């Protein structure tokens, strides 16, 4: 079992490389903020996956 705070930190750290790629693809003022929904979605998908993996034991 993993506690919620640890799960959130791990998911946030795993989201960083994805966020960097997203931000590189939407650089510039015209597209500012367009990558945010994708980054948030990635974070919550990773958090859900981590919870499921730790709850299943592997």
N, C-alpha and C. Protein backbone atom coordinates (compact mmCIF):
# COMPACT_ATOMS: atom_id res chain seq x y z
N UNK A 1 0.84 -1.18 0.00
CA UNK A 1 0.00 0.00 0.00
C UNK A 1 0.89 1.24 0.00
N UNK A 2 0.50 2.24 -0.74
CA UNK A 2 1.26 3.49 -0.83
C UNK A 2 0.35 4.63 -0.35
N UNK A 3 0.91 5.52 0.46
CA UNK A 3 0.07 6.62 0.94
C UNK A 3 -0.13 7.66 -0.17
N UNK A 4 -1.15 8.47 -0.03
CA UNK A 4 -1.55 9.41 -1.08
C UNK A 4 -0.47 10.44 -1.40
N UNK A 5 0.23 10.93 -0.38
CA UNK A 5 1.26 11.95 -0.62
C UNK A 5 2.44 11.38 -1.40
N UNK A 6 2.87 10.19 -1.05
CA UNK A 6 3.97 9.56 -1.77
C UNK A 6 3.56 9.27 -3.21
N UNK A 7 2.36 8.78 -3.37
CA UNK A 7 1.83 8.50 -4.70
C UNK A 7 1.80 9.77 -5.56
N UNK A 8 1.38 10.88 -4.98
CA UNK A 8 1.31 12.15 -5.71
C UNK A 8 2.70 12.63 -6.11
N UNK A 9 3.66 12.50 -5.22
CA UNK A 9 5.03 12.94 -5.53
C UNK A 9 5.64 12.09 -6.64
N UNK A 10 5.47 10.78 -6.56
CA UNK A 10 6.01 9.89 -7.60
C UNK A 10 5.37 10.20 -8.95
N UNK A 11 4.06 10.37 -8.97
CA UNK A 11 3.36 10.69 -10.22
C UNK A 11 3.84 12.02 -10.78
N UNK A 12 4.04 13.01 -9.91
CA UNK A 12 4.52 14.31 -10.37
C UNK A 12 5.92 14.20 -10.97
N UNK A 13 6.79 13.44 -10.34
CA UNK A 13 8.15 13.27 -10.86
C UNK A 13 8.14 12.54 -12.20
N UNK A 14 7.29 11.54 -12.33
CA UNK A 14 7.21 10.81 -13.60
C UNK A 14 6.57 11.64 -14.70
N UNK A 15 5.81 12.65 -14.33
CA UNK A 15 5.15 13.51 -15.31
C UNK A 15 6.13 14.53 -15.90
N UNK A 16 7.19 14.85 -15.19
CA UNK A 16 8.12 15.89 -15.64
C UNK A 16 8.69 15.67 -17.05
N UNK A 17 9.20 14.49 -17.39
CA UNK A 17 9.71 14.32 -18.76
C UNK A 17 8.63 14.48 -19.83
N UNK A 18 7.44 14.00 -19.52
CA UNK A 18 6.33 14.15 -20.45
C UNK A 18 5.97 15.63 -20.60
N UNK A 19 5.94 16.33 -19.49
CA UNK A 19 5.62 17.76 -19.51
C UNK A 19 6.64 18.53 -20.33
N UNK A 20 7.90 18.17 -20.21
CA UNK A 20 8.94 18.85 -20.98
C UNK A 20 8.71 18.66 -22.47
N UNK A 21 8.39 17.46 -22.90
CA UNK A 21 8.13 17.20 -24.32
C UNK A 21 6.91 17.98 -24.80
N UNK A 22 5.88 18.02 -23.98
CA UNK A 22 4.66 18.75 -24.35
C UNK A 22 4.97 20.24 -24.49
N UNK A 23 5.69 20.79 -23.53
CA UNK A 23 6.01 22.22 -23.56
C UNK A 23 6.92 22.57 -24.74
N UNK A 24 7.81 21.67 -25.09
CA UNK A 24 8.68 21.92 -26.25
C UNK A 24 7.86 21.98 -27.53
N UNK A 25 6.79 21.20 -27.60
CA UNK A 25 5.99 21.16 -28.82
C UNK A 25 5.00 22.31 -28.93
N UNK A 26 4.71 22.99 -27.82
CA UNK A 26 3.74 24.09 -27.86
C UNK A 26 4.37 25.40 -27.39
N UNK A 27 5.63 25.63 -27.73
CA UNK A 27 6.31 26.84 -27.29
C UNK A 27 5.75 28.07 -28.03
N UNK A 28 5.95 29.18 -27.44
CA UNK A 28 5.50 30.43 -28.01
C UNK A 28 4.25 30.95 -27.33
N UNK A 29 4.07 32.27 -27.35
CA UNK A 29 2.94 32.90 -26.69
C UNK A 29 1.60 32.48 -27.27
N UNK A 30 1.56 32.27 -28.57
CA UNK A 30 0.31 31.91 -29.24
C UNK A 30 -0.29 30.62 -28.68
N UNK A 31 0.56 29.68 -28.31
CA UNK A 31 0.11 28.37 -27.85
C UNK A 31 0.23 28.18 -26.34
N UNK A 32 0.53 29.26 -25.65
CA UNK A 32 0.76 29.18 -24.20
C UNK A 32 -0.47 28.60 -23.50
N UNK A 33 -0.25 27.59 -22.68
CA UNK A 33 -1.32 26.98 -21.92
C UNK A 33 -2.01 25.82 -22.62
N UNK A 34 -1.74 25.59 -23.89
CA UNK A 34 -2.42 24.52 -24.61
C UNK A 34 -1.96 23.14 -24.18
N UNK A 35 -0.77 23.00 -23.66
CA UNK A 35 -0.28 21.71 -23.23
C UNK A 35 -0.71 21.33 -21.82
N UNK A 36 -1.27 22.28 -21.11
CA UNK A 36 -1.63 22.04 -19.71
C UNK A 36 -2.63 20.91 -19.52
N UNK A 37 -3.71 20.83 -20.29
CA UNK A 37 -4.66 19.71 -20.09
C UNK A 37 -4.01 18.34 -20.29
N UNK A 38 -3.11 18.24 -21.25
CA UNK A 38 -2.42 16.98 -21.50
C UNK A 38 -1.50 16.62 -20.34
N UNK A 39 -0.82 17.62 -19.77
CA UNK A 39 0.05 17.36 -18.63
C UNK A 39 -0.76 16.93 -17.41
N UNK A 40 -1.86 17.58 -17.16
CA UNK A 40 -2.72 17.23 -16.02
C UNK A 40 -3.27 15.82 -16.20
N UNK A 41 -3.70 15.51 -17.41
CA UNK A 41 -4.23 14.17 -17.70
C UNK A 41 -3.16 13.11 -17.48
N UNK A 42 -1.94 13.39 -17.92
CA UNK A 42 -0.83 12.45 -17.73
C UNK A 42 -0.57 12.22 -16.25
N UNK A 43 -0.56 13.29 -15.48
CA UNK A 43 -0.34 13.18 -14.03
C UNK A 43 -1.37 12.26 -13.39
N UNK A 44 -2.65 12.49 -13.68
CA UNK A 44 -3.70 11.69 -13.04
C UNK A 44 -3.71 10.25 -13.54
N UNK A 45 -3.35 10.02 -14.79
CA UNK A 45 -3.25 8.64 -15.27
C UNK A 45 -2.12 7.91 -14.57
N UNK A 46 -0.98 8.57 -14.40
CA UNK A 46 0.15 7.96 -13.69
C UNK A 46 -0.19 7.71 -12.22
N UNK A 47 -0.87 8.64 -11.59
CA UNK A 47 -1.25 8.48 -10.20
C UNK A 47 -2.18 7.27 -10.03
N UNK A 48 -3.12 7.13 -10.94
CA UNK A 48 -4.06 6.01 -10.91
C UNK A 48 -3.33 4.69 -11.13
N UNK A 49 -2.40 4.69 -12.09
CA UNK A 49 -1.62 3.49 -12.38
C UNK A 49 -0.76 3.09 -11.18
N UNK A 50 -0.12 4.06 -10.55
CA UNK A 50 0.69 3.77 -9.37
C UNK A 50 -0.14 3.16 -8.26
N UNK A 51 -1.30 3.72 -8.00
CA UNK A 51 -2.17 3.18 -6.95
C UNK A 51 -2.56 1.75 -7.25
N UNK A 52 -2.94 1.50 -8.48
CA UNK A 52 -3.35 0.14 -8.87
C UNK A 52 -2.17 -0.82 -8.73
N UNK A 53 -0.99 -0.42 -9.19
CA UNK A 53 0.19 -1.30 -9.12
C UNK A 53 0.58 -1.62 -7.68
N UNK A 54 0.58 -0.59 -6.82
CA UNK A 54 0.97 -0.81 -5.44
C UNK A 54 -0.09 -1.61 -4.70
N UNK A 55 -1.37 -1.38 -5.01
CA UNK A 55 -2.44 -2.13 -4.35
C UNK A 55 -2.43 -3.60 -4.75
N UNK A 56 -2.03 -3.87 -6.01
CA UNK A 56 -1.95 -5.26 -6.49
C UNK A 56 -0.66 -5.93 -6.04
N UNK A 57 0.29 -5.14 -5.59
CA UNK A 57 1.54 -5.70 -5.09
C UNK A 57 2.60 -5.89 -6.17
N UNK A 58 2.50 -5.13 -7.23
CA UNK A 58 3.56 -5.27 -8.21
C UNK A 58 3.21 -4.71 -9.49
